[in-house]
Amino acid sequence: MKFKAIKGHQGIGMEVKDVTYVETARWGKHRGWRYVLGLAVIFFVGLVVGGIATPRIAFLFGGQEGFAAFNRLDYAAFGPVGGFVAVTAIFPFFLAGILIAVTLVHRRHPRTLITARERISWRRVGQGFVAWFVPFWLIAGLGQYFFYPDTFSFNFDLATFALFVPLALVFTAIQTTTEELFFRGYIMQGASIVWANRVFLALVPATIFALAHLLNPEASAGGWLTVFFNYFLAPGLVWTVVSLIDGTTELAIGAHFANNIGGSLLVGVAGNAVNAPTLFTVSKFHATYTALSMLVVVPVFLAIAYKVFKSDEASEPVFLNARIGRR
C-alpha cells in the first residue's frame, strides 16, 4: 500500500512538498529532552492536576459518599450516567496537558498533531467515523446477537438515555481525540525524531496503545487473543498505518470516536471499564468472536475508507513563522 503525504509549506518563503503530520515534529523545537519534558507536562496535568480535580467532581455528584466511592473506584455508586462521567472526567486534563506541551514546550500549533495542512479536514474525520462504525458495530457488535442471542438484553430507559446522549457525545469525543493526539500524534512524532523508519513508527504507538489498555476488564477476560486483535492489531496498528498512509490522523480520529461511541450508546458489556446506559447489554464478553471478527472488520474498513471514500487533496498550504532547527 502506497504511503502518501500532504503538500505543505515549512518556514518563511520556503516550500517543502510531501510533508506529513509526522514530519511537522521538526517544525517546532524538537530536541529529545523537550519530548521528555513534554511527557512530564502531559502526565503532571493529567494525573496530578486531574487526580486532584476529579474527586471534587465526584463530590459534586454524590457528596461525601460520592467522594469515598470514587476513591475506592466504585463507579457504579454514581449510577450509569454519573459513573460514565466519573471515569471519563480525567481526559480533559490529559488533553490540556497535550496542548500545553505542544504549544509551550515545542512551540508549534497543536493542529500539527493532526495534519500539516492549514485546516483540519472534518470531512475526512467523518469518513473515518462511517468507515469504522458500519462494519464494526454490524459485525463485531450486533452481529454477536446471531451467535449468542441469550446474552443480549434490551434495557432502554428514555429519560436516562436522553440525559446521557449529549454527555456521551462530548466526553467520548474528548476521550478518543485525546488518545489519538497522544498515541498517534505526540508519541508518533517523538518516535520519528529517534528513527523515521515507517515500520518502527507503526509499531511504537500501536504497542504503547495496547499496553495502555491492558488494565481494561475485557482485556483480562479475553486474554492474549483479545489484547493482540482488539488492541494491538485493530485498532492500534491499523489506525496507525492509515495515519501514515493519509499523512494525517483525521481518519483515525473519526474511527476511534465511532468505536467508542457505539460502546457508550449501542452495545455495552457487563463489567466493562465504563458501564454506560447503552441500548443493549451483553452479559458475557465473547473474546474469541470479537477478536476473529476483526479479520472481517479491518478489510471492510479499509475498503470503505479508500474505495468508497476518496482522501482529500492538499488544501491550503501551511505557513509557520518558526525557524527549523534543534532548539
C-alpha atoms as a PDB file:
ATOM      1  CA  MET A   1       0.000   0.000   0.000  1.00  0.00           C
ATOM      2  CA  LYS A   2       1.474   3.328  -1.052  1.00  0.00           C
ATOM      3  CA  PHE A   3       2.305   5.918   1.574  1.00  0.00           C
ATOM      4  CA  LYS A   4       1.060   9.374   0.605  1.00  0.00           C
ATOM      5  CA  ALA A   5       1.785  12.759   2.051  1.00  0.00           C
ATOM      6  CA  ILE A   6       0.214  16.171   2.279  1.00  0.00           C
ATOM      7  CA  LYS A   7       1.831  19.066   0.494  1.00  0.00           C
ATOM      8  CA  GLY A   8       2.649  21.997   2.707  1.00  0.00           C
ATOM      9  CA  HIS A   9       4.977  24.906   3.353  1.00  0.00           C
ATOM     10  CA  GLN A  10       7.602  24.981   6.064  1.00  0.00           C
ATOM     11  CA  GLY A  11       9.363  28.055   7.338  1.00  0.00           C
ATOM     12  CA  ILE A  12       9.231  31.513   5.744  1.00  0.00           C
ATOM     13  CA  GLY A  13       9.001  31.560   1.993  1.00  0.00           C
ATOM     14  CA  MET A  14      10.404  28.026   1.756  1.00  0.00           C
ATOM     15  CA  GLU A  15       8.203  25.424   0.132  1.00  0.00           C
ATOM     16  CA  VAL A  16       8.516  21.826   1.253  1.00  0.00           C
ATOM     17  CA  LYS A  17       6.497  19.253  -0.661  1.00  0.00           C
ATOM     18  CA  ASP A  18       5.140  15.979   0.633  1.00  0.00           C
ATOM     19  CA  VAL A  19       5.052  16.946   4.299  1.00  0.00           C
ATOM     20  CA  THR A  20       3.060  14.658   6.582  1.00  0.00           C
ATOM     21  CA  TYR A  21       1.875  15.437  10.071  1.00  0.00           C
ATOM     22  CA  VAL A  22       4.670  13.187  11.383  1.00  0.00           C
ATOM     23  CA  GLU A  23       7.302  15.467   9.857  1.00  0.00           C
ATOM     24  CA  THR A  24       5.772  18.561  11.433  1.00  0.00           C
ATOM     25  CA  ALA A  25       7.529  17.441  14.614  1.00  0.00           C
ATOM     26  CA  ARG A  26      10.570  19.238  13.188  1.00  0.00           C
ATOM     27  CA  TRP A  27       8.686  22.471  12.621  1.00  0.00           C
ATOM     28  CA  GLY A  28       8.990  23.471  16.246  1.00  0.00           C
ATOM     29  CA  LYS A  29      11.556  22.908  18.946  1.00  0.00           C
ATOM     30  CA  HIS A  30      12.207  19.211  18.864  1.00  0.00           C
ATOM     31  CA  ARG A  31      15.292  18.146  20.807  1.00  0.00           C
ATOM     32  CA  GLY A  32      14.868  14.854  22.644  1.00  0.00           C
ATOM     33  CA  TRP A  33      14.814  16.450  26.072  1.00  0.00           C
ATOM     34  CA  ARG A  34      11.805  18.504  25.031  1.00  0.00           C
ATOM     35  CA  TYR A  35       9.819  15.308  24.439  1.00  0.00           C
ATOM     36  CA  VAL A  36      10.819  14.078  27.886  1.00  0.00           C
ATOM     37  CA  LEU A  37       9.699  17.406  29.345  1.00  0.00           C
ATOM     38  CA  GLY A  38       6.535  17.303  27.237  1.00  0.00           C
ATOM     39  CA  LEU A  39       5.624  13.864  28.563  1.00  0.00           C
ATOM     40  CA  ALA A  40       6.249  15.088  32.103  1.00  0.00           C
ATOM     41  CA  VAL A  41       3.903  18.033  31.497  1.00  0.00           C
ATOM     42  CA  ILE A  42       1.212  15.789  29.995  1.00  0.00           C
ATOM     43  CA  PHE A  43       1.281  13.298  32.858  1.00  0.00           C
ATOM     44  CA  PHE A  44       1.534  16.010  35.515  1.00  0.00           C
ATOM     45  CA  VAL A  45      -1.542  17.841  34.230  1.00  0.00           C
ATOM     46  CA  GLY A  46      -3.401  14.599  33.516  1.00  0.00           C
ATOM     47  CA  LEU A  47      -2.558  12.561  36.593  1.00  0.00           C
ATOM     48  CA  VAL A  48      -1.687  15.118  39.273  1.00  0.00           C
ATOM     49  CA  VAL A  49      -3.948  18.056  38.421  1.00  0.00           C
ATOM     50  CA  GLY A  50      -6.641  15.744  37.074  1.00  0.00           C
ATOM     51  CA  GLY A  51      -6.209  13.455  40.067  1.00  0.00           C
ATOM     52  CA  ILE A  52      -6.893  16.377  42.378  1.00  0.00           C
ATOM     53  CA  ALA A  53      -9.830  17.726  40.377  1.00  0.00           C
ATOM     54  CA  THR A  54     -11.769  14.556  39.508  1.00  0.00           C
ATOM     55  CA  PRO A  55     -12.540  13.539  43.126  1.00  0.00           C
ATOM     56  CA  ARG A  56     -14.006  17.038  43.555  1.00  0.00           C
ATOM     57  CA  ILE A  57     -16.173  16.378  40.512  1.00  0.00           C
ATOM     58  CA  ALA A  58     -17.277  13.129  42.158  1.00  0.00           C
ATOM     59  CA  PHE A  59     -18.137  15.113  45.285  1.00  0.00           C
ATOM     60  CA  LEU A  60     -20.457  17.313  43.209  1.00  0.00           C
ATOM     61  CA  PHE A  61     -22.286  14.201  42.008  1.00  0.00           C
ATOM     62  CA  GLY A  62     -22.575  12.332  45.286  1.00  0.00           C
ATOM     63  CA  GLY A  63     -21.349  14.442  48.170  1.00  0.00           C
ATOM     64  CA  GLN A  64     -19.090  12.811  50.751  1.00  0.00           C
ATOM     65  CA  GLU A  65     -20.372   9.352  49.831  1.00  0.00           C
ATOM     66  CA  GLY A  66     -19.551  10.028  46.189  1.00  0.00           C
ATOM     67  CA  PHE A  67     -16.073  11.198  47.153  1.00  0.00           C
ATOM     68  CA  ALA A  68     -15.495   7.990  49.116  1.00  0.00           C
ATOM     69  CA  ALA A  69     -16.898   5.834  46.305  1.00  0.00           C
ATOM     70  CA  PHE A  70     -14.579   7.490  43.795  1.00  0.00           C
ATOM     71  CA  ASN A  71     -11.538   6.862  45.990  1.00  0.00           C
ATOM     72  CA  ARG A  72     -12.346   3.156  46.170  1.00  0.00           C
ATOM     73  CA  LEU A  73     -13.039   3.092  42.391  1.00  0.00           C
ATOM     74  CA  ASP A  74     -16.695   2.180  42.931  1.00  0.00           C
ATOM     75  CA  TYR A  75     -18.067   3.995  39.885  1.00  0.00           C
ATOM     76  CA  ALA A  76     -21.326   2.036  39.988  1.00  0.00           C
ATOM     77  CA  ALA A  77     -22.274   4.070  43.061  1.00  0.00           C
ATOM     78  CA  PHE A  78     -22.818   7.095  40.811  1.00  0.00           C
ATOM     79  CA  GLY A  79     -25.333   5.348  38.589  1.00  0.00           C
ATOM     80  CA  PRO A  80     -24.831   4.724  34.851  1.00  0.00           C
ATOM     81  CA  VAL A  81     -24.647   8.393  33.842  1.00  0.00           C
ATOM     82  CA  GLY A  82     -22.618   9.659  36.786  1.00  0.00           C
ATOM     83  CA  GLY A  83     -20.298   6.664  36.618  1.00  0.00           C
ATOM     84  CA  PHE A  84     -19.539   7.351  32.956  1.00  0.00           C
ATOM     85  CA  VAL A  85     -18.695  10.985  33.715  1.00  0.00           C
ATOM     86  CA  ALA A  86     -16.568   9.986  36.722  1.00  0.00           C
ATOM     87  CA  VAL A  87     -14.480   7.608  34.582  1.00  0.00           C
ATOM     88  CA  THR A  88     -14.023   9.954  31.611  1.00  0.00           C
ATOM     89  CA  ALA A  89     -13.567  13.209  33.569  1.00  0.00           C
ATOM     90  CA  ILE A  90      -9.784  12.718  33.612  1.00  0.00           C
ATOM     91  CA  PHE A  91      -9.428  13.088  29.838  1.00  0.00           C
ATOM     92  CA  PRO A  92      -9.969  16.872  29.585  1.00  0.00           C
ATOM     93  CA  PHE A  93      -6.941  17.247  31.842  1.00  0.00           C
ATOM     94  CA  PHE A  94      -4.810  14.972  29.669  1.00  0.00           C
ATOM     95  CA  LEU A  95      -5.978  16.946  26.633  1.00  0.00           C
ATOM     96  CA  ALA A  96      -4.963  20.187  28.342  1.00  0.00           C
ATOM     97  CA  GLY A  97      -1.540  18.689  29.114  1.00  0.00           C
ATOM     98  CA  ILE A  98      -1.018  17.729  25.472  1.00  0.00           C
ATOM     99  CA  LEU A  99      -1.992  21.199  24.247  1.00  0.00           C
ATOM    100  CA  ILE A 100       0.325  22.853  26.777  1.00  0.00           C
ATOM    101  CA  ALA A 101       3.240  20.572  25.857  1.00  0.00           C
ATOM    102  CA  VAL A 102       2.928  21.138  22.108  1.00  0.00           C
ATOM    103  CA  THR A 103       2.296  24.870  22.389  1.00  0.00           C
ATOM    104  CA  LEU A 104       4.766  25.878  25.100  1.00  0.00           C
ATOM    105  CA  VAL A 105       7.440  23.169  25.070  1.00  0.00           C
ATOM    106  CA  HIS A 106       7.613  22.558  21.317  1.00  0.00           C
ATOM    107  CA  ARG A 107       6.383  25.988  20.186  1.00  0.00           C
ATOM    108  CA  ARG A 108       4.165  24.774  17.360  1.00  0.00           C
ATOM    109  CA  HIS A 109       0.451  24.686  16.654  1.00  0.00           C
ATOM    110  CA  PRO A 110      -1.495  21.778  18.233  1.00  0.00           C
ATOM    111  CA  ARG A 111      -3.086  21.228  14.827  1.00  0.00           C
ATOM    112  CA  THR A 112       0.244  19.731  13.699  1.00  0.00           C
ATOM    113  CA  LEU A 113      -0.616  16.659  15.796  1.00  0.00           C
ATOM    114  CA  ILE A 114      -3.347  16.035  13.218  1.00  0.00           C
ATOM    115  CA  THR A 115      -2.281  17.479   9.888  1.00  0.00           C
ATOM    116  CA  ALA A 116       0.317  19.560   8.076  1.00  0.00           C
ATOM    117  CA  ARG A 117      -2.451  21.483   6.364  1.00  0.00           C
ATOM    118  CA  GLU A 118      -3.769  24.895   7.258  1.00  0.00           C
ATOM    119  CA  ARG A 119      -7.083  23.346   8.288  1.00  0.00           C
ATOM    120  CA  ILE A 120      -8.332  20.048   9.622  1.00  0.00           C
ATOM    121  CA  SER A 121     -10.498  18.135   7.138  1.00  0.00           C
ATOM    122  CA  TRP A 122     -13.612  17.339   9.176  1.00  0.00           C
ATOM    123  CA  ARG A 123     -14.927  15.613   6.072  1.00  0.00           C
ATOM    124  CA  ARG A 124     -12.119  13.054   6.354  1.00  0.00           C
ATOM    125  CA  VAL A 125     -12.826  12.681  10.094  1.00  0.00           C
ATOM    126  CA  GLY A 126     -16.452  11.935   9.229  1.00  0.00           C
ATOM    127  CA  GLN A 127     -15.365   9.406   6.623  1.00  0.00           C
ATOM    128  CA  GLY A 128     -13.260   7.639   9.237  1.00  0.00           C
ATOM    129  CA  PHE A 129     -16.283   7.535  11.529  1.00  0.00           C
ATOM    130  CA  VAL A 130     -18.535   5.936   8.896  1.00  0.00           C
ATOM    131  CA  ALA A 131     -15.841   3.574   7.602  1.00  0.00           C
ATOM    132  CA  TRP A 132     -15.322   2.065  11.078  1.00  0.00           C
ATOM    133  CA  PHE A 133     -18.793   2.406  12.598  1.00  0.00           C
ATOM    134  CA  VAL A 134     -20.630   0.469   9.888  1.00  0.00           C
ATOM    135  CA  PRO A 135     -18.541  -2.746   9.783  1.00  0.00           C
ATOM    136  CA  PHE A 136     -17.514  -2.785  13.445  1.00  0.00           C
ATOM    137  CA  TRP A 137     -20.918  -2.371  15.026  1.00  0.00           C
ATOM    138  CA  LEU A 138     -22.739  -4.514  12.480  1.00  0.00           C
ATOM    139  CA  ILE A 139     -20.220  -7.374  12.582  1.00  0.00           C
ATOM    140  CA  ALA A 140     -18.397  -7.189  15.921  1.00  0.00           C
ATOM    141  CA  GLY A 141     -21.288  -5.592  17.798  1.00  0.00           C
ATOM    142  CA  LEU A 142     -24.823  -6.537  16.821  1.00  0.00           C
ATOM    143  CA  GLY A 143     -23.505  -9.475  14.789  1.00  0.00           C
ATOM    144  CA  GLN A 144     -22.943 -11.284  18.072  1.00  0.00           C
ATOM    145  CA  TYR A 145     -26.695 -11.452  18.530  1.00  0.00           C
ATOM    146  CA  PHE A 146     -26.980 -14.148  15.845  1.00  0.00           C
ATOM    147  CA  PHE A 147     -24.474 -16.359  17.675  1.00  0.00           C
ATOM    148  CA  TYR A 148     -25.242 -15.514  21.318  1.00  0.00           C
ATOM    149  CA  PRO A 149     -28.843 -14.187  21.465  1.00  0.00           C
ATOM    150  CA  ASP A 150     -29.327 -15.303  25.068  1.00  0.00           C
ATOM    151  CA  THR A 151     -26.589 -12.965  26.284  1.00  0.00           C
ATOM    152  CA  PHE A 152     -28.248  -9.832  24.843  1.00  0.00           C
ATOM    153  CA  SER A 153     -30.701  -7.751  26.835  1.00  0.00           C
ATOM    154  CA  PHE A 154     -32.587  -4.591  25.829  1.00  0.00           C
ATOM    155  CA  ASN A 155     -32.536  -2.001  28.592  1.00  0.00           C
ATOM    156  CA  PHE A 156     -33.834   1.246  27.122  1.00  0.00           C
ATOM    157  CA  ASP A 157     -34.831   3.992  29.551  1.00  0.00           C
ATOM    158  CA  LEU A 158     -35.900   7.108  27.627  1.00  0.00           C
ATOM    159  CA  ALA A 159     -35.293   9.641  30.410  1.00  0.00           C
ATOM    160  CA  THR A 160     -31.848   8.279  31.292  1.00  0.00           C
ATOM    161  CA  PHE A 161     -30.842   7.821  27.663  1.00  0.00           C
ATOM    162  CA  ALA A 162     -31.921  11.357  26.703  1.00  0.00           C
ATOM    163  CA  LEU A 163     -29.803  12.779  29.531  1.00  0.00           C
ATOM    164  CA  PHE A 164     -26.883  10.542  28.694  1.00  0.00           C
ATOM    165  CA  VAL A 165     -26.597  11.063  24.908  1.00  0.00           C
ATOM    166  CA  PRO A 166     -25.213  14.645  24.956  1.00  0.00           C
ATOM    167  CA  LEU A 167     -22.813  13.770  27.790  1.00  0.00           C
ATOM    168  CA  ALA A 168     -21.653  10.663  25.924  1.00  0.00           C
ATOM    169  CA  LEU A 169     -21.045  12.597  22.704  1.00  0.00           C
ATOM    170  CA  VAL A 170     -18.986  15.287  24.432  1.00  0.00           C
ATOM    171  CA  PHE A 171     -16.941  13.146  26.823  1.00  0.00           C
ATOM    172  CA  THR A 172     -16.362  10.340  24.317  1.00  0.00           C
ATOM    173  CA  ALA A 173     -15.173  12.851  21.718  1.00  0.00           C
ATOM    174  CA  ILE A 174     -12.747  14.311  24.261  1.00  0.00           C
ATOM    175  CA  GLN A 175     -11.532  10.864  25.306  1.00  0.00           C
ATOM    176  CA  THR A 176     -10.935   9.471  21.829  1.00  0.00           C
ATOM    177  CA  THR A 177      -9.434  12.672  20.432  1.00  0.00           C
ATOM    178  CA  THR A 178      -7.096  12.909  23.416  1.00  0.00           C
ATOM    179  CA  GLU A 179      -5.892   9.342  22.880  1.00  0.00           C
ATOM    180  CA  GLU A 180      -5.338   9.966  19.169  1.00  0.00           C
ATOM    181  CA  LEU A 181      -3.433  13.196  19.773  1.00  0.00           C
ATOM    182  CA  PHE A 182      -1.244  11.363  22.282  1.00  0.00           C
ATOM    183  CA  PHE A 183      -0.620   7.916  20.741  1.00  0.00           C
ATOM    184  CA  ARG A 184      -0.764   8.563  17.006  1.00  0.00           C
ATOM    185  CA  GLY A 185       0.179  12.216  17.328  1.00  0.00           C
ATOM    186  CA  TYR A 186       2.668  13.059  20.062  1.00  0.00           C
ATOM    187  CA  ILE A 187       4.182   9.575  20.517  1.00  0.00           C
ATOM    188  CA  MET A 188       4.460   9.006  16.768  1.00  0.00           C
ATOM    189  CA  GLN A 189       6.137  12.370  16.223  1.00  0.00           C
ATOM    190  CA  GLY A 190       8.521  11.813  19.114  1.00  0.00           C
ATOM    191  CA  ALA A 191       9.439   8.391  17.735  1.00  0.00           C
ATOM    192  CA  SER A 192      10.144   9.971  14.331  1.00  0.00           C
ATOM    193  CA  ILE A 193      12.889  12.085  15.911  1.00  0.00           C
ATOM    194  CA  VAL A 194      14.583   8.859  17.002  1.00  0.00           C
ATOM    195  CA  TRP A 195      14.088   6.929  13.733  1.00  0.00           C
ATOM    196  CA  ALA A 196      11.945   7.794  10.721  1.00  0.00           C
ATOM    197  CA  ASN A 197      11.557   4.163   9.595  1.00  0.00           C
ATOM    198  CA  ARG A 198       7.862   3.566   8.836  1.00  0.00           C
ATOM    199  CA  VAL A 199       7.756   0.081  10.353  1.00  0.00           C
ATOM    200  CA  PHE A 200       9.226   1.473  13.567  1.00  0.00           C
ATOM    201  CA  LEU A 201       6.745   4.357  13.517  1.00  0.00           C
ATOM    202  CA  ALA A 202       3.849   1.953  13.040  1.00  0.00           C
ATOM    203  CA  LEU A 203       4.891  -0.405  15.835  1.00  0.00           C
ATOM    204  CA  VAL A 204       5.751   2.097  18.587  1.00  0.00           C
ATOM    205  CA  PRO A 205       2.344   3.785  19.056  1.00  0.00           C
ATOM    206  CA  ALA A 206       0.456   0.538  18.390  1.00  0.00           C
ATOM    207  CA  THR A 207       2.430  -1.276  21.103  1.00  0.00           C
ATOM    208  CA  ILE A 208       2.082   1.545  23.638  1.00  0.00           C
ATOM    209  CA  PHE A 209      -1.634   1.830  22.806  1.00  0.00           C
ATOM    210  CA  ALA A 210      -2.121  -1.889  23.512  1.00  0.00           C
ATOM    211  CA  LEU A 211      -0.108  -1.771  26.741  1.00  0.00           C
ATOM    212  CA  ALA A 212      -2.094   1.238  27.990  1.00  0.00           C
ATOM    213  CA  HIS A 213      -5.343  -0.754  27.669  1.00  0.00           C
ATOM    214  CA  LEU A 214      -4.190  -3.920  29.456  1.00  0.00           C
ATOM    215  CA  LEU A 215      -5.958  -2.882  32.651  1.00  0.00           C
ATOM    216  CA  ASN A 216      -9.354  -2.831  30.939  1.00  0.00           C
ATOM    217  CA  PRO A 217     -11.575  -5.646  32.316  1.00  0.00           C
ATOM    218  CA  GLU A 218     -12.296  -7.020  28.826  1.00  0.00           C
ATOM    219  CA  ALA A 219      -8.560  -7.329  28.163  1.00  0.00           C
ATOM    220  CA  SER A 220      -8.026  -9.578  31.171  1.00  0.00           C
ATOM    221  CA  ALA A 221     -11.200 -11.521  30.365  1.00  0.00           C
ATOM    222  CA  GLY A 222     -10.169 -12.242  26.788  1.00  0.00           C
ATOM    223  CA  GLY A 223      -6.501 -12.970  27.376  1.00  0.00           C
ATOM    224  CA  TRP A 224      -3.754 -12.575  24.808  1.00  0.00           C
ATOM    225  CA  LEU A 225      -6.107 -13.112  21.838  1.00  0.00           C
ATOM    226  CA  THR A 226      -8.164 -10.075  22.772  1.00  0.00           C
ATOM    227  CA  VAL A 227      -5.107  -7.949  23.517  1.00  0.00           C
ATOM    228  CA  PHE A 228      -3.487  -8.808  20.190  1.00  0.00           C
ATOM    229  CA  PHE A 229      -6.518  -8.479  17.901  1.00  0.00           C
ATOM    230  CA  ASN A 230      -8.588  -5.830  19.715  1.00  0.00           C
ATOM    231  CA  TYR A 231      -5.830  -3.511  20.886  1.00  0.00           C
ATOM    232  CA  PHE A 232      -2.549  -4.108  19.081  1.00  0.00           C
ATOM    233  CA  LEU A 233      -3.712  -5.175  15.595  1.00  0.00           C
ATOM    234  CA  ALA A 234      -7.031  -3.354  15.429  1.00  0.00           C
ATOM    235  CA  PRO A 235      -7.305  -0.578  16.257  1.00  0.00           C
ATOM    236  CA  GLY A 236      -3.712   0.058  17.386  1.00  0.00           C
ATOM    237  CA  LEU A 237      -1.710  -0.970  14.317  1.00  0.00           C
ATOM    238  CA  VAL A 238      -4.439  -0.440  11.709  1.00  0.00           C
ATOM    239  CA  TRP A 239      -5.236   3.124  12.754  1.00  0.00           C
ATOM    240  CA  THR A 240      -1.524   3.910  12.984  1.00  0.00           C
ATOM    241  CA  VAL A 241      -0.860   2.608   9.473  1.00  0.00           C
ATOM    242  CA  VAL A 242      -3.757   4.542   7.949  1.00  0.00           C
ATOM    243  CA  SER A 243      -2.439   7.682   9.652  1.00  0.00           C
ATOM    244  CA  LEU A 244       0.906   7.101   7.954  1.00  0.00           C
ATOM    245  CA  ILE A 245      -0.846   6.438   4.645  1.00  0.00           C
ATOM    246  CA  ASP A 246      -3.044   9.536   4.862  1.00  0.00           C
ATOM    247  CA  GLY A 247      -0.348  11.769   6.290  1.00  0.00           C
ATOM    248  CA  THR A 248      -2.894  12.898   8.913  1.00  0.00           C
ATOM    249  CA  THR A 249      -4.657  11.446  11.957  1.00  0.00           C
ATOM    250  CA  GLU A 250      -8.068  12.589  10.693  1.00  0.00           C
ATOM    251  CA  LEU A 251      -9.224   9.119   9.639  1.00  0.00           C
ATOM    252  CA  ALA A 252      -8.085   7.577  12.938  1.00  0.00           C
ATOM    253  CA  ILE A 253      -9.818  10.279  14.992  1.00  0.00           C
ATOM    254  CA  GLY A 254     -13.130   9.532  13.284  1.00  0.00           C
ATOM    255  CA  ALA A 255     -12.684   5.771  13.559  1.00  0.00           C
ATOM    256  CA  HIS A 256     -11.756   5.922  17.250  1.00  0.00           C
ATOM    257  CA  PHE A 257     -14.831   8.018  18.031  1.00  0.00           C
ATOM    258  CA  ALA A 258     -17.029   5.570  16.093  1.00  0.00           C
ATOM    259  CA  ASN A 259     -15.542   2.663  18.047  1.00  0.00           C
ATOM    260  CA  ASN A 260     -16.138   4.170  21.484  1.00  0.00           C
ATOM    261  CA  ILE A 261     -19.431   5.993  20.960  1.00  0.00           C
ATOM    262  CA  GLY A 262     -21.029   2.727  19.878  1.00  0.00           C
ATOM    263  CA  GLY A 263     -19.820   1.152  23.106  1.00  0.00           C
ATOM    264  CA  SER A 264     -21.348   4.061  25.032  1.00  0.00           C
ATOM    265  CA  LEU A 265     -24.713   4.226  23.289  1.00  0.00           C
ATOM    266  CA  LEU A 266     -25.417   0.954  21.456  1.00  0.00           C
ATOM    267  CA  VAL A 267     -23.886  -2.217  22.909  1.00  0.00           C
ATOM    268  CA  GLY A 268     -22.213  -2.428  26.296  1.00  0.00           C
ATOM    269  CA  VAL A 269     -20.619  -5.357  28.090  1.00  0.00           C
ATOM    270  CA  ALA A 270     -21.465  -6.088  31.717  1.00  0.00           C
ATOM    271  CA  GLY A 271     -18.423  -5.408  33.889  1.00  0.00           C
ATOM    272  CA  ASN A 272     -16.750  -3.259  31.233  1.00  0.00           C
ATOM    273  CA  ALA A 273     -14.360  -0.416  32.086  1.00  0.00           C
ATOM    274  CA  VAL A 274     -17.228   2.058  31.635  1.00  0.00           C
ATOM    275  CA  ASN A 275     -20.746   0.814  32.356  1.00  0.00           C
ATOM    276  CA  ALA A 276     -22.853   3.220  30.314  1.00  0.00           C
ATOM    277  CA  PRO A 277     -26.655   3.095  29.865  1.00  0.00           C
ATOM    278  CA  THR A 278     -26.426   1.516  26.406  1.00  0.00           C
ATOM    279  CA  LEU A 279     -29.438   0.332  24.407  1.00  0.00           C
ATOM    280  CA  PHE A 280     -28.215  -3.278  24.607  1.00  0.00           C
ATOM    281  CA  THR A 281     -26.124  -5.035  27.224  1.00  0.00           C
ATOM    282  CA  VAL A 282     -24.164  -8.244  26.651  1.00  0.00           C
ATOM    283  CA  SER A 283     -23.933 -10.313  29.823  1.00  0.00           C
ATOM    284  CA  LYS A 284     -20.704 -12.040  28.769  1.00  0.00           C
ATOM    285  CA  PHE A 285     -17.759 -10.740  26.753  1.00  0.00           C
ATOM    286  CA  HIS A 286     -17.188 -13.096  23.806  1.00  0.00           C
ATOM    287  CA  ALA A 287     -13.466 -12.579  23.337  1.00  0.00           C
ATOM    288  CA  THR A 288     -12.896 -15.109  20.555  1.00  0.00           C
ATOM    289  CA  TYR A 289     -15.762 -13.861  18.392  1.00  0.00           C
ATOM    290  CA  THR A 290     -14.798 -10.220  18.866  1.00  0.00           C
ATOM    291  CA  ALA A 291     -11.153 -10.908  18.045  1.00  0.00           C
ATOM    292  CA  LEU A 292     -11.866 -13.009  14.950  1.00  0.00           C
ATOM    293  CA  SER A 293     -14.439 -10.519  13.693  1.00  0.00           C
ATOM    294  CA  MET A 294     -11.555  -8.055  13.281  1.00  0.00           C
ATOM    295  CA  LEU A 295     -10.374 -10.186  10.367  1.00  0.00           C
ATOM    296  CA  VAL A 296     -13.532  -9.072   8.555  1.00  0.00           C
ATOM    297  CA  VAL A 297     -13.957  -5.599  10.032  1.00  0.00           C
ATOM    298  CA  VAL A 298     -10.499  -4.330   9.073  1.00  0.00           C
ATOM    299  CA  PRO A 299     -10.665  -5.140   5.323  1.00  0.00           C
ATOM    300  CA  VAL A 300     -14.169  -3.655   5.096  1.00  0.00           C
ATOM    301  CA  PHE A 301     -12.988  -0.540   6.949  1.00  0.00           C
ATOM    302  CA  LEU A 302     -10.091  -0.091   4.524  1.00  0.00           C
ATOM    303  CA  ALA A 303     -12.348  -0.688   1.527  1.00  0.00           C
ATOM    304  CA  ILE A 304     -14.811   1.964   2.659  1.00  0.00           C
ATOM    305  CA  ALA A 305     -12.086   4.427   3.607  1.00  0.00           C
ATOM    306  CA  TYR A 306     -10.101   4.137   0.382  1.00  0.00           C
ATOM    307  CA  LYS A 307     -12.545   2.834  -2.238  1.00  0.00           C
ATOM    308  CA  VAL A 308     -15.930   4.271  -1.287  1.00  0.00           C
ATOM    309  CA  PHE A 309     -14.430   7.499   0.019  1.00  0.00           C
ATOM    310  CA  LYS A 310     -11.545   9.344  -1.555  1.00  0.00           C
ATOM    311  CA  SER A 311      -8.906  11.038   0.581  1.00  0.00           C
ATOM    312  CA  ASP A 312      -8.743  14.812   0.284  1.00  0.00           C
ATOM    313  CA  GLU A 313      -6.224  16.548  -1.905  1.00  0.00           C
ATOM    314  CA  ALA A 314      -3.969  19.039  -0.166  1.00  0.00           C
ATOM    315  CA  SER A 315      -5.864  22.140   0.878  1.00  0.00           C
ATOM    316  CA  GLU A 316      -4.384  25.487   1.770  1.00  0.00           C
ATOM    317  CA  PRO A 317      -0.639  25.347   2.418  1.00  0.00           C
ATOM    318  CA  VAL A 318       0.802  25.703   5.884  1.00  0.00           C
ATOM    319  CA  PHE A 319       2.924  28.676   6.861  1.00  0.00           C
ATOM    320  CA  LEU A 320       4.912  28.609  10.075  1.00  0.00           C
ATOM    321  CA  ASN A 321       6.965  31.510  11.340  1.00  0.00           C
ATOM    322  CA  ALA A 322       9.191  29.345  13.493  1.00  0.00           C
ATOM    323  CA  ARG A 323      12.601  28.519  12.084  1.00  0.00           C
ATOM    324  CA  ILE A 324      13.596  24.891  11.718  1.00  0.00           C
ATOM    325  CA  GLY A 325      16.268  23.535  13.997  1.00  0.00           C
ATOM    326  CA  ARG A 326      17.173  21.610  17.107  1.00  0.00           C
ATOM    327  CA  ARG A 327      16.454  24.133  19.787  1.00  0.00           C
END
